[in-house]
mmCIF file of all heavy atoms, coordinates in Angstrom:
data_MODEL
# 
_entry.id   MODEL 
# 
loop_
_atom_site.group_PDB 
_atom_site.id 
_atom_site.type_symbol 
_atom_site.label_atom_id 
_atom_site.label_alt_id 
_atom_site.label_comp_id 
_atom_site.label_asym_id 
_atom_site.label_entity_id 
_atom_site.label_seq_id 
_atom_site.pdbx_PDB_ins_code 
_atom_site.Cartn_x 
_atom_site.Cartn_y 
_atom_site.Cartn_z 
_atom_site.occupancy 
_atom_site.B_iso_or_equiv 
_atom_site.pdbx_formal_charge 
_atom_site.auth_seq_id 
_atom_site.auth_comp_id 
_atom_site.auth_asym_id 
_atom_site.auth_atom_id 
_atom_site.pdbx_PDB_model_num 
ATOM 1   N N   . TYR A 1 1  ? -10.483 5.687   6.680  1.00 0.00 ? 1  TYR A N   1 
ATOM 2   C CA  . TYR A 1 1  ? -9.622  5.037   7.664  1.00 0.00 ? 1  TYR A CA  1 
ATOM 3   C C   . TYR A 1 1  ? -8.963  6.081   8.569  1.00 0.00 ? 1  TYR A C   1 
ATOM 4   O O   . TYR A 1 1  ? -8.636  7.182   8.129  1.00 0.00 ? 1  TYR A O   1 
ATOM 5   C CB  . TYR A 1 1  ? -8.521  4.229   6.964  1.00 0.00 ? 1  TYR A CB  1 
ATOM 6   C CG  . TYR A 1 1  ? -9.017  3.000   6.235  1.00 0.00 ? 1  TYR A CG  1 
ATOM 7   C CD1 . TYR A 1 1  ? -9.476  3.090   4.927  1.00 0.00 ? 1  TYR A CD1 1 
ATOM 8   C CD2 . TYR A 1 1  ? -9.024  1.753   6.851  1.00 0.00 ? 1  TYR A CD2 1 
ATOM 9   C CE1 . TYR A 1 1  ? -9.938  1.967   4.251  1.00 0.00 ? 1  TYR A CE1 1 
ATOM 10  C CE2 . TYR A 1 1  ? -9.472  0.623   6.181  1.00 0.00 ? 1  TYR A CE2 1 
ATOM 11  C CZ  . TYR A 1 1  ? -9.932  0.741   4.882  1.00 0.00 ? 1  TYR A CZ  1 
ATOM 12  O OH  . TYR A 1 1  ? -10.379 -0.372  4.215  1.00 0.00 ? 1  TYR A OH  1 
ATOM 13  N N   . ASN A 1 2  ? -8.753  5.682   9.799  1.00 0.00 ? 2  ASN A N   1 
ATOM 14  C CA  . ASN A 1 2  ? -8.054  6.571   10.731 1.00 0.00 ? 2  ASN A CA  1 
ATOM 15  C C   . ASN A 1 2  ? -6.557  6.637   10.450 1.00 0.00 ? 2  ASN A C   1 
ATOM 16  O O   . ASN A 1 2  ? -5.887  7.603   10.809 1.00 0.00 ? 2  ASN A O   1 
ATOM 17  C CB  . ASN A 1 2  ? -8.284  6.114   12.175 1.00 0.00 ? 2  ASN A CB  1 
ATOM 18  C CG  . ASN A 1 2  ? -9.721  6.266   12.606 1.00 0.00 ? 2  ASN A CG  1 
ATOM 19  O OD1 . ASN A 1 2  ? -10.429 7.165   12.139 1.00 0.00 ? 2  ASN A OD1 1 
ATOM 20  N ND2 . ASN A 1 2  ? -10.180 5.389   13.486 1.00 0.00 ? 2  ASN A ND2 1 
ATOM 21  N N   . THR A 1 3  ? -6.026  5.596   9.841  1.00 0.00 ? 3  THR A N   1 
ATOM 22  C CA  . THR A 1 3  ? -4.613  5.589   9.444  1.00 0.00 ? 3  THR A CA  1 
ATOM 23  C C   . THR A 1 3  ? -4.536  5.472   7.929  1.00 0.00 ? 3  THR A C   1 
ATOM 24  O O   . THR A 1 3  ? -5.243  4.665   7.322  1.00 0.00 ? 3  THR A O   1 
ATOM 25  C CB  . THR A 1 3  ? -3.846  4.420   10.090 1.00 0.00 ? 3  THR A CB  1 
ATOM 26  O OG1 . THR A 1 3  ? -4.511  3.185   9.778  1.00 0.00 ? 3  THR A OG1 1 
ATOM 27  C CG2 . THR A 1 3  ? -3.778  4.595   11.596 1.00 0.00 ? 3  THR A CG2 1 
ATOM 28  N N   . ARG A 1 4  ? -3.660  6.287   7.333  1.00 0.00 ? 4  ARG A N   1 
ATOM 29  C CA  . ARG A 1 4  ? -3.577  6.345   5.874  1.00 0.00 ? 4  ARG A CA  1 
ATOM 30  C C   . ARG A 1 4  ? -2.113  6.418   5.454  1.00 0.00 ? 4  ARG A C   1 
ATOM 31  O O   . ARG A 1 4  ? -1.246  6.735   6.262  1.00 0.00 ? 4  ARG A O   1 
ATOM 32  C CB  . ARG A 1 4  ? -4.335  7.584   5.364  1.00 0.00 ? 4  ARG A CB  1 
ATOM 33  C CG  . ARG A 1 4  ? -5.798  7.609   5.759  1.00 0.00 ? 4  ARG A CG  1 
ATOM 34  C CD  . ARG A 1 4  ? -6.466  8.933   5.393  1.00 0.00 ? 4  ARG A CD  1 
ATOM 35  N NE  . ARG A 1 4  ? -5.997  10.057  6.199  1.00 0.00 ? 4  ARG A NE  1 
ATOM 36  C CZ  . ARG A 1 4  ? -6.473  10.357  7.403  1.00 0.00 ? 4  ARG A CZ  1 
ATOM 37  N NH1 . ARG A 1 4  ? -7.415  9.603   7.947  1.00 0.00 ? 4  ARG A NH1 1 
ATOM 38  N NH2 . ARG A 1 4  ? -6.012  11.398  8.072  1.00 0.00 ? 4  ARG A NH2 1 
ATOM 39  N N   . ILE A 1 5  ? -1.859  6.146   4.194  1.00 0.00 ? 5  ILE A N   1 
ATOM 40  C CA  . ILE A 1 5  ? -0.516  6.317   3.654  1.00 0.00 ? 5  ILE A CA  1 
ATOM 41  C C   . ILE A 1 5  ? -0.482  7.606   2.826  1.00 0.00 ? 5  ILE A C   1 
ATOM 42  O O   . ILE A 1 5  ? -1.523  8.104   2.398  1.00 0.00 ? 5  ILE A O   1 
ATOM 43  C CB  . ILE A 1 5  ? -0.067  5.133   2.774  1.00 0.00 ? 5  ILE A CB  1 
ATOM 44  C CG1 . ILE A 1 5  ? -0.990  4.977   1.555  1.00 0.00 ? 5  ILE A CG1 1 
ATOM 45  C CG2 . ILE A 1 5  ? -0.011  3.858   3.581  1.00 0.00 ? 5  ILE A CG2 1 
ATOM 46  C CD1 . ILE A 1 5  ? -0.476  3.988   0.526  1.00 0.00 ? 5  ILE A CD1 1 
ATOM 47  N N   . ASN A 1 6  ? 0.733   8.147   2.625  1.00 0.00 ? 6  ASN A N   1 
ATOM 48  C CA  . ASN A 1 6  ? 0.867   9.269   1.704  1.00 0.00 ? 6  ASN A CA  1 
ATOM 49  C C   . ASN A 1 6  ? 1.486   8.771   0.406  1.00 0.00 ? 6  ASN A C   1 
ATOM 50  O O   . ASN A 1 6  ? 1.825   7.591   0.267  1.00 0.00 ? 6  ASN A O   1 
ATOM 51  C CB  . ASN A 1 6  ? 1.677   10.407  2.335  1.00 0.00 ? 6  ASN A CB  1 
ATOM 52  C CG  . ASN A 1 6  ? 3.082   9.973   2.737  1.00 0.00 ? 6  ASN A CG  1 
ATOM 53  O OD1 . ASN A 1 6  ? 3.782   9.311   1.976  1.00 0.00 ? 6  ASN A OD1 1 
ATOM 54  N ND2 . ASN A 1 6  ? 3.498   10.351  3.948  1.00 0.00 ? 6  ASN A ND2 1 
ATOM 55  N N   . THR A 1 7  ? 1.645   9.665   -0.545 1.00 0.00 ? 7  THR A N   1 
ATOM 56  C CA  . THR A 1 7  ? 2.113   9.246   -1.867 1.00 0.00 ? 7  THR A CA  1 
ATOM 57  C C   . THR A 1 7  ? 3.520   8.653   -1.823 1.00 0.00 ? 7  THR A C   1 
ATOM 58  O O   . THR A 1 7  ? 3.843   7.755   -2.598 1.00 0.00 ? 7  THR A O   1 
ATOM 59  C CB  . THR A 1 7  ? 2.093   10.442  -2.837 1.00 0.00 ? 7  THR A CB  1 
ATOM 60  O OG1 . THR A 1 7  ? 2.788   11.553  -2.248 1.00 0.00 ? 7  THR A OG1 1 
ATOM 61  C CG2 . THR A 1 7  ? 0.662   10.872  -3.136 1.00 0.00 ? 7  THR A CG2 1 
ATOM 62  N N   . ARG A 1 8  ? 4.366   9.129   -0.907 1.00 0.00 ? 8  ARG A N   1 
ATOM 63  C CA  . ARG A 1 8  ? 5.729   8.594   -0.809 1.00 0.00 ? 8  ARG A CA  1 
ATOM 64  C C   . ARG A 1 8  ? 5.750   7.203   -0.210 1.00 0.00 ? 8  ARG A C   1 
ATOM 65  O O   . ARG A 1 8  ? 6.722   6.460   -0.405 1.00 0.00 ? 8  ARG A O   1 
ATOM 66  C CB  . ARG A 1 8  ? 6.590   9.535   0.028  1.00 0.00 ? 8  ARG A CB  1 
ATOM 67  C CG  . ARG A 1 8  ? 6.965   10.813  -0.694 1.00 0.00 ? 8  ARG A CG  1 
ATOM 68  C CD  . ARG A 1 8  ? 7.837   11.696  0.147  1.00 0.00 ? 8  ARG A CD  1 
ATOM 69  N NE  . ARG A 1 8  ? 8.289   12.876  -0.589 1.00 0.00 ? 8  ARG A NE  1 
ATOM 70  C CZ  . ARG A 1 8  ? 8.953   13.878  -0.059 1.00 0.00 ? 8  ARG A CZ  1 
ATOM 71  N NH1 . ARG A 1 8  ? 9.266   13.857  1.237  1.00 0.00 ? 8  ARG A NH1 1 
ATOM 72  N NH2 . ARG A 1 8  ? 9.316   14.906  -0.794 1.00 0.00 ? 8  ARG A NH2 1 
ATOM 73  N N   . GLU A 1 9  ? 4.713   6.841   0.521  1.00 0.00 ? 9  GLU A N   1 
ATOM 74  C CA  . GLU A 1 9  ? 4.669   5.529   1.163  1.00 0.00 ? 9  GLU A CA  1 
ATOM 75  C C   . GLU A 1 9  ? 4.016   4.464   0.285  1.00 0.00 ? 9  GLU A C   1 
ATOM 76  O O   . GLU A 1 9  ? 4.080   3.274   0.604  1.00 0.00 ? 9  GLU A O   1 
ATOM 77  C CB  . GLU A 1 9  ? 3.920   5.632   2.493  1.00 0.00 ? 9  GLU A CB  1 
ATOM 78  C CG  . GLU A 1 9  ? 4.653   6.466   3.534  1.00 0.00 ? 9  GLU A CG  1 
ATOM 79  C CD  . GLU A 1 9  ? 3.785   6.848   4.723  1.00 0.00 ? 9  GLU A CD  1 
ATOM 80  O OE1 . GLU A 1 9  ? 2.545   6.955   4.556  1.00 0.00 ? 9  GLU A OE1 1 
ATOM 81  O OE2 . GLU A 1 9  ? 4.343   7.055   5.820  1.00 0.00 ? 9  GLU A OE2 1 
ATOM 82  N N   . LEU A 1 10 ? 3.389   4.887   -0.815 1.00 0.00 ? 10 LEU A N   1 
ATOM 83  C CA  . LEU A 1 10 ? 2.712   3.912   -1.683 1.00 0.00 ? 10 LEU A CA  1 
ATOM 84  C C   . LEU A 1 10 ? 3.676   2.867   -2.249 1.00 0.00 ? 10 LEU A C   1 
ATOM 85  O O   . LEU A 1 10 ? 3.349   1.669   -2.243 1.00 0.00 ? 10 LEU A O   1 
ATOM 86  C CB  . LEU A 1 10 ? 1.970   4.626   -2.809 1.00 0.00 ? 10 LEU A CB  1 
ATOM 87  C CG  . LEU A 1 10 ? 1.247   3.716   -3.811 1.00 0.00 ? 10 LEU A CG  1 
ATOM 88  C CD1 . LEU A 1 10 ? 0.290   2.761   -3.097 1.00 0.00 ? 10 LEU A CD1 1 
ATOM 89  C CD2 . LEU A 1 10 ? 0.501   4.542   -4.862 1.00 0.00 ? 10 LEU A CD2 1 
ATOM 90  N N   . PRO A 1 11 ? 4.877   3.232   -2.751 1.00 0.00 ? 11 PRO A N   1 
ATOM 91  C CA  . PRO A 1 11 ? 5.777   2.188   -3.246 1.00 0.00 ? 11 PRO A CA  1 
ATOM 92  C C   . PRO A 1 11 ? 6.111   1.141   -2.187 1.00 0.00 ? 11 PRO A C   1 
ATOM 93  O O   . PRO A 1 11 ? 6.188   -0.059  -2.491 1.00 0.00 ? 11 PRO A O   1 
ATOM 94  C CB  . PRO A 1 11 ? 7.024   2.972   -3.669 1.00 0.00 ? 11 PRO A CB  1 
ATOM 95  C CG  . PRO A 1 11 ? 6.511   4.330   -4.013 1.00 0.00 ? 11 PRO A CG  1 
ATOM 96  C CD  . PRO A 1 11 ? 5.421   4.585   -3.022 1.00 0.00 ? 11 PRO A CD  1 
ATOM 97  N N   . GLU A 1 12 ? 6.296   1.572   -0.932 1.00 0.00 ? 12 GLU A N   1 
ATOM 98  C CA  . GLU A 1 12 ? 6.579   0.618   0.143  1.00 0.00 ? 12 GLU A CA  1 
ATOM 99  C C   . GLU A 1 12 ? 5.385   -0.304  0.373  1.00 0.00 ? 12 GLU A C   1 
ATOM 100 O O   . GLU A 1 12 ? 5.542   -1.495  0.639  1.00 0.00 ? 12 GLU A O   1 
ATOM 101 C CB  . GLU A 1 12 ? 6.919   1.371   1.424  1.00 0.00 ? 12 GLU A CB  1 
ATOM 102 C CG  . GLU A 1 12 ? 7.334   0.464   2.583  1.00 0.00 ? 12 GLU A CG  1 
ATOM 103 C CD  . GLU A 1 12 ? 7.653   1.237   3.858  1.00 0.00 ? 12 GLU A CD  1 
ATOM 104 O OE1 . GLU A 1 12 ? 7.691   2.483   3.814  1.00 0.00 ? 12 GLU A OE1 1 
ATOM 105 O OE2 . GLU A 1 12 ? 7.865   0.583   4.883  1.00 0.00 ? 12 GLU A OE2 1 
ATOM 106 N N   . MET A 1 13 ? 4.187   0.261   0.235  1.00 0.00 ? 13 MET A N   1 
ATOM 107 C CA  . MET A 1 13 ? 2.970   -0.544  0.391  1.00 0.00 ? 13 MET A CA  1 
ATOM 108 C C   . MET A 1 13 ? 2.860   -1.581  -0.726 1.00 0.00 ? 13 MET A C   1 
ATOM 109 O O   . MET A 1 13 ? 2.510   -2.742  -0.488 1.00 0.00 ? 13 MET A O   1 
ATOM 110 C CB  . MET A 1 13 ? 1.758   0.392   0.360  1.00 0.00 ? 13 MET A CB  1 
ATOM 111 C CG  . MET A 1 13 ? 0.445   -0.243  0.753  1.00 0.00 ? 13 MET A CG  1 
ATOM 112 S SD  . MET A 1 13 ? 0.378   -0.618  2.512  1.00 0.00 ? 13 MET A SD  1 
ATOM 113 C CE  . MET A 1 13 ? 0.024   -2.365  2.456  1.00 0.00 ? 13 MET A CE  1 
ATOM 114 N N   . LEU A 1 14 ? 3.177   -1.175  -1.940 1.00 0.00 ? 14 LEU A N   1 
ATOM 115 C CA  . LEU A 1 14 ? 3.138   -2.105  -3.061 1.00 0.00 ? 14 LEU A CA  1 
ATOM 116 C C   . LEU A 1 14 ? 4.209   -3.189  -2.914 1.00 0.00 ? 14 LEU A C   1 
ATOM 117 O O   . LEU A 1 14 ? 3.982   -4.346  -3.288 1.00 0.00 ? 14 LEU A O   1 
ATOM 118 C CB  . LEU A 1 14 ? 3.339   -1.344  -4.379 1.00 0.00 ? 14 LEU A CB  1 
ATOM 119 C CG  . LEU A 1 14 ? 2.235   -0.335  -4.728 1.00 0.00 ? 14 LEU A CG  1 
ATOM 120 C CD1 . LEU A 1 14 ? 2.588   0.416   -6.007 1.00 0.00 ? 14 LEU A CD1 1 
ATOM 121 C CD2 . LEU A 1 14 ? 0.888   -1.014  -4.867 1.00 0.00 ? 14 LEU A CD2 1 
ATOM 122 N N   . ALA A 1 15 ? 5.363   -2.816  -2.359 1.00 0.00 ? 15 ALA A N   1 
ATOM 123 C CA  . ALA A 1 15 ? 6.415   -3.810  -2.126 1.00 0.00 ? 15 ALA A CA  1 
ATOM 124 C C   . ALA A 1 15 ? 5.963   -4.857  -1.108 1.00 0.00 ? 15 ALA A C   1 
ATOM 125 O O   . ALA A 1 15 ? 6.272   -6.047  -1.243 1.00 0.00 ? 15 ALA A O   1 
ATOM 126 C CB  . ALA A 1 15 ? 7.690   -3.122  -1.652 1.00 0.00 ? 15 ALA A CB  1 
ATOM 127 N N   . LEU A 1 16 ? 5.206   -4.422  -0.098 1.00 0.00 ? 16 LEU A N   1 
ATOM 128 C CA  . LEU A 1 16 ? 4.654   -5.370  0.872  1.00 0.00 ? 16 LEU A CA  1 
ATOM 129 C C   . LEU A 1 16 ? 3.701   -6.333  0.187  1.00 0.00 ? 16 LEU A C   1 
ATOM 130 O O   . LEU A 1 16 ? 3.739   -7.554  0.422  1.00 0.00 ? 16 LEU A O   1 
ATOM 131 C CB  . LEU A 1 16 ? 3.924   -4.616  1.988  1.00 0.00 ? 16 LEU A CB  1 
ATOM 132 C CG  . LEU A 1 16 ? 3.140   -5.473  2.980  1.00 0.00 ? 16 LEU A CG  1 
ATOM 133 C CD1 . LEU A 1 16 ? 4.082   -6.309  3.832  1.00 0.00 ? 16 LEU A CD1 1 
ATOM 134 C CD2 . LEU A 1 16 ? 2.247   -4.612  3.865  1.00 0.00 ? 16 LEU A CD2 1 
ATOM 135 N N   . GLY A 1 17 ? 2.832   -5.805  -0.669 1.00 0.00 ? 17 GLY A N   1 
ATOM 136 C CA  . GLY A 1 17 ? 1.913   -6.664  -1.405 1.00 0.00 ? 17 GLY A CA  1 
ATOM 137 C C   . GLY A 1 17 ? 2.641   -7.697  -2.244 1.00 0.00 ? 17 GLY A C   1 
ATOM 138 O O   . GLY A 1 17 ? 2.215   -8.843  -2.350 1.00 0.00 ? 17 GLY A O   1 
ATOM 139 N N   . LYS A 1 18 ? 3.766   -7.283  -2.828 1.00 0.00 ? 18 LYS A N   1 
ATOM 140 C CA  . LYS A 1 18 ? 4.560   -8.216  -3.636 1.00 0.00 ? 18 LYS A CA  1 
ATOM 141 C C   . LYS A 1 18 ? 5.125   -9.336  -2.769 1.00 0.00 ? 18 LYS A C   1 
ATOM 142 O O   . LYS A 1 18 ? 5.053   -10.518 -3.135 1.00 0.00 ? 18 LYS A O   1 
ATOM 143 C CB  . LYS A 1 18 ? 5.695   -7.456  -4.328 1.00 0.00 ? 18 LYS A CB  1 
ATOM 144 C CG  . LYS A 1 18 ? 6.599   -8.311  -5.217 1.00 0.00 ? 18 LYS A CG  1 
ATOM 145 C CD  . LYS A 1 18 ? 7.666   -7.435  -5.880 1.00 0.00 ? 18 LYS A CD  1 
ATOM 146 C CE  . LYS A 1 18 ? 8.492   -8.234  -6.892 1.00 0.00 ? 18 LYS A CE  1 
ATOM 147 N NZ  . LYS A 1 18 ? 9.350   -9.230  -6.248 1.00 0.00 ? 18 LYS A NZ  1 
ATOM 148 N N   . ARG A 1 19 ? 5.676   -8.976  -1.607 1.00 0.00 ? 19 ARG A N   1 
ATOM 149 C CA  . ARG A 1 19 ? 6.265   -9.998  -0.734 1.00 0.00 ? 19 ARG A CA  1 
ATOM 150 C C   . ARG A 1 19 ? 5.215   -10.978 -0.219 1.00 0.00 ? 19 ARG A C   1 
ATOM 151 O O   . ARG A 1 19 ? 5.479   -12.180 -0.104 1.00 0.00 ? 19 ARG A O   1 
ATOM 152 C CB  . ARG A 1 19 ? 6.970   -9.334  0.448  1.00 0.00 ? 19 ARG A CB  1 
ATOM 153 C CG  . ARG A 1 19 ? 8.234   -8.584  0.089  1.00 0.00 ? 19 ARG A CG  1 
ATOM 154 C CD  . ARG A 1 19 ? 9.050   -8.243  1.315  1.00 0.00 ? 19 ARG A CD  1 
ATOM 155 N NE  . ARG A 1 19 ? 8.313   -7.426  2.282  1.00 0.00 ? 19 ARG A NE  1 
ATOM 156 C CZ  . ARG A 1 19 ? 8.248   -6.099  2.245  1.00 0.00 ? 19 ARG A CZ  1 
ATOM 157 N NH1 . ARG A 1 19 ? 8.865   -5.439  1.269  1.00 0.00 ? 19 ARG A NH1 1 
ATOM 158 N NH2 . ARG A 1 19 ? 7.573   -5.428  3.155  1.00 0.00 ? 19 ARG A NH2 1 
ATOM 159 N N   . LEU A 1 20 ? 4.034   -10.464 0.083  1.00 0.00 ? 20 LEU A N   1 
ATOM 160 C CA  . LEU A 1 20 ? 2.974   -11.316 0.642  1.00 0.00 ? 20 LEU A CA  1 
ATOM 161 C C   . LEU A 1 20 ? 2.114   -11.973 -0.433 1.00 0.00 ? 20 LEU A C   1 
ATOM 162 O O   . LEU A 1 20 ? 1.232   -12.766 -0.114 1.00 0.00 ? 20 LEU A O   1 
ATOM 163 C CB  . LEU A 1 20 ? 2.070   -10.484 1.565  1.00 0.00 ? 20 LEU A CB  1 
ATOM 164 C CG  . LEU A 1 20 ? 2.739   -9.784  2.748  1.00 0.00 ? 20 LEU A CG  1 
ATOM 165 C CD1 . LEU A 1 20 ? 1.689   -9.061  3.588  1.00 0.00 ? 20 LEU A CD1 1 
ATOM 166 C CD2 . LEU A 1 20 ? 3.525   -10.770 3.600  1.00 0.00 ? 20 LEU A CD2 1 
ATOM 167 N N   . ASN A 1 21 ? 2.375   -11.600 -1.702 1.00 0.00 ? 21 ASN A N   1 
ATOM 168 C CA  . ASN A 1 21 ? 1.554   -12.079 -2.815 1.00 0.00 ? 21 ASN A CA  1 
ATOM 169 C C   . ASN A 1 21 ? 0.071   -11.759 -2.551 1.00 0.00 ? 21 ASN A C   1 
ATOM 170 O O   . ASN A 1 21 ? -0.803  -12.592 -2.745 1.00 0.00 ? 21 ASN A O   1 
ATOM 171 C CB  . ASN A 1 21 ? 1.738   -13.585 -3.024 1.00 0.00 ? 21 ASN A CB  1 
ATOM 172 C CG  . ASN A 1 21 ? 1.242   -14.030 -4.390 1.00 0.00 ? 21 ASN A CG  1 
ATOM 173 O OD1 . ASN A 1 21 ? 1.186   -13.231 -5.335 1.00 0.00 ? 21 ASN A OD1 1 
ATOM 174 N ND2 . ASN A 1 21 ? 0.854   -15.298 -4.499 1.00 0.00 ? 21 ASN A ND2 1 
ATOM 175 N N   . LYS A 1 22 ? -0.164  -10.532 -2.127 1.00 0.00 ? 22 LYS A N   1 
ATOM 176 C CA  . LYS A 1 22 ? -1.511  -10.091 -1.762 1.00 0.00 ? 22 LYS A CA  1 
ATOM 177 C C   . LYS A 1 22 ? -1.861  -8.840  -2.563 1.00 0.00 ? 22 LYS A C   1 
ATOM 178 O O   . LYS A 1 22 ? -1.079  -7.878  -2.603 1.00 0.00 ? 22 LYS A O   1 
ATOM 179 C CB  . LYS A 1 22 ? -1.540  -9.767  -0.263 1.00 0.00 ? 22 LYS A CB  1 
ATOM 180 C CG  . LYS A 1 22 ? -2.927  -9.509  0.302  1.00 0.00 ? 22 LYS A CG  1 
ATOM 181 C CD  . LYS A 1 22 ? -3.629  -10.804 0.628  1.00 0.00 ? 22 LYS A CD  1 
ATOM 182 C CE  . LYS A 1 22 ? -4.923  -10.548 1.396  1.00 0.00 ? 22 LYS A CE  1 
ATOM 183 N NZ  . LYS A 1 22 ? -5.663  -11.787 1.652  1.00 0.00 ? 22 LYS A NZ  1 
ATOM 184 N N   . PRO A 1 23 ? -3.025  -8.809  -3.218 1.00 0.00 ? 23 PRO A N   1 
ATOM 185 C CA  . PRO A 1 23 ? -3.414  -7.608  -3.963 1.00 0.00 ? 23 PRO A CA  1 
ATOM 186 C C   . PRO A 1 23 ? -3.570  -6.406  -3.038 1.00 0.00 ? 23 PRO A C   1 
ATOM 187 O O   . PRO A 1 23 ? -4.096  -6.525  -1.932 1.00 0.00 ? 23 PRO A O   1 
ATOM 188 C CB  . PRO A 1 23 ? -4.761  -7.991  -4.584 1.00 0.00 ? 23 PRO A CB  1 
ATOM 189 C CG  . PRO A 1 23 ? -4.775  -9.479  -4.594 1.00 0.00 ? 23 PRO A CG  1 
ATOM 190 C CD  . PRO A 1 23 ? -4.009  -9.905  -3.381 1.00 0.00 ? 23 PRO A CD  1 
ATOM 191 N N   . VAL A 1 24 ? -3.087  -5.255  -3.501 1.00 0.00 ? 24 VAL A N   1 
ATOM 192 C CA  . VAL A 1 24 ? -3.246  -3.999  -2.768 1.00 0.00 ? 24 VAL A CA  1 
ATOM 193 C C   . VAL A 1 24 ? -4.217  -3.128  -3.546 1.00 0.00 ? 24 VAL A C   1 
ATOM 194 O O   . VAL A 1 24 ? -4.058  -2.943  -4.763 1.00 0.00 ? 24 VAL A O   1 
ATOM 195 C CB  . VAL A 1 24 ? -1.893  -3.266  -2.612 1.00 0.00 ? 24 VAL A CB  1 
ATOM 196 C CG1 . VAL A 1 24 ? -2.113  -1.870  -2.016 1.00 0.00 ? 24 VAL A CG1 1 
ATOM 197 C CG2 . VAL A 1 24 ? -0.954  -4.080  -1.739 1.00 0.00 ? 24 VAL A CG2 1 
ATOM 198 N N   . CYS A 1 25 ? -5.226  -2.604  -2.851 1.00 0.00 ? 25 CYS A N   1 
ATOM 199 C CA  . CYS A 1 25 ? -6.214  -1.726  -3.465 1.00 0.00 ? 25 CYS A CA  1 
ATOM 200 C C   . CYS A 1 25 ? -6.051  -0.322  -2.890 1.00 0.00 ? 25 CYS A C   1 
ATOM 201 O O   . CYS A 1 25 ? -6.122  -0.131  -1.671 1.00 0.00 ? 25 CYS A O   1 
ATOM 202 C CB  . CYS A 1 25 ? -7.631  -2.249  -3.205 1.00 0.00 ? 25 CYS A CB  1 
ATOM 203 S SG  . CYS A 1 25 ? -8.926  -1.183  -3.880 1.00 0.00 ? 25 CYS A SG  1 
ATOM 204 N N   . ILE A 1 26 ? -5.823  0.653   -3.768 1.00 0.00 ? 26 ILE A N   1 
ATOM 205 C CA  . ILE A 1 26 ? -5.570  2.040   -3.348 1.00 0.00 ? 26 ILE A CA  1 
ATOM 206 C C   . ILE A 1 26 ? -6.847  2.852   -3.544 1.00 0.00 ? 26 ILE A C   1 
ATOM 207 O O   . ILE A 1 26 ? -7.330  2.990   -4.680 1.00 0.00 ? 26 ILE A O   1 
ATOM 208 C CB  . ILE A 1 26 ? -4.443  2.669   -4.189 1.00 0.00 ? 26 ILE A CB  1 
ATOM 209 C CG1 . ILE A 1 26 ? -3.246  1.735   -4.300 1.00 0.00 ? 26 ILE A CG1 1 
ATOM 210 C CG2 . ILE A 1 26 ? -4.045  4.024   -3.626 1.00 0.00 ? 26 ILE A CG2 1 
ATOM 211 C CD1 . ILE A 1 26 ? -2.462  1.892   -5.588 1.00 0.00 ? 26 ILE A CD1 1 
ATOM 212 N N   . LEU A 1 27 ? -7.372  3.386   -2.473 1.00 0.00 ? 27 LEU A N   1 
ATOM 213 C CA  . LEU A 1 27 ? -8.535  4.267   -2.557 1.00 0.00 ? 27 LEU A CA  1 
ATOM 214 C C   . LEU A 1 27 ? -8.083  5.699   -2.290 1.00 0.00 ? 27 LEU A C   1 
ATOM 215 O O   . LEU A 1 27 ? -7.410  5.974   -1.297 1.00 0.00 ? 27 LEU A O   1 
ATOM 216 C CB  . LEU A 1 27 ? -9.603  3.861   -1.548 1.00 0.00 ? 27 LEU A CB  1 
ATOM 217 C CG  . LEU A 1 27 ? -10.244 2.480   -1.745 1.00 0.00 ? 27 LEU A CG  1 
ATOM 218 C CD1 . LEU A 1 27 ? -11.333 2.252   -0.710 1.00 0.00 ? 27 LEU A CD1 1 
ATOM 219 C CD2 . LEU A 1 27 ? -10.815 2.334   -3.152 1.00 0.00 ? 27 LEU A CD2 1 
ATOM 220 N N   . ALA A 1 28 ? -8.436  6.601   -3.177 1.00 0.00 ? 28 ALA A N   1 
ATOM 221 C CA  . ALA A 1 28 ? -8.019  8.004   -3.035 1.00 0.00 ? 28 ALA A CA  1 
ATOM 222 C C   . ALA A 1 28 ? -8.841  8.853   -3.999 1.00 0.00 ? 28 ALA A C   1 
ATOM 223 O O   . ALA A 1 28 ? -9.456  8.333   -4.937 1.00 0.00 ? 28 ALA A O   1 
ATOM 224 C CB  . ALA A 1 28 ? -6.530  8.147   -3.330 1.00 0.00 ? 28 ALA A CB  1 
# 
């Protein structure tokens, strides 16, 4: 991907998944 998250942003990404009730898949 041209845009990526870093390790500090992963918790925020998981929080978004929780709010949207959407599974988050982390590739790294």
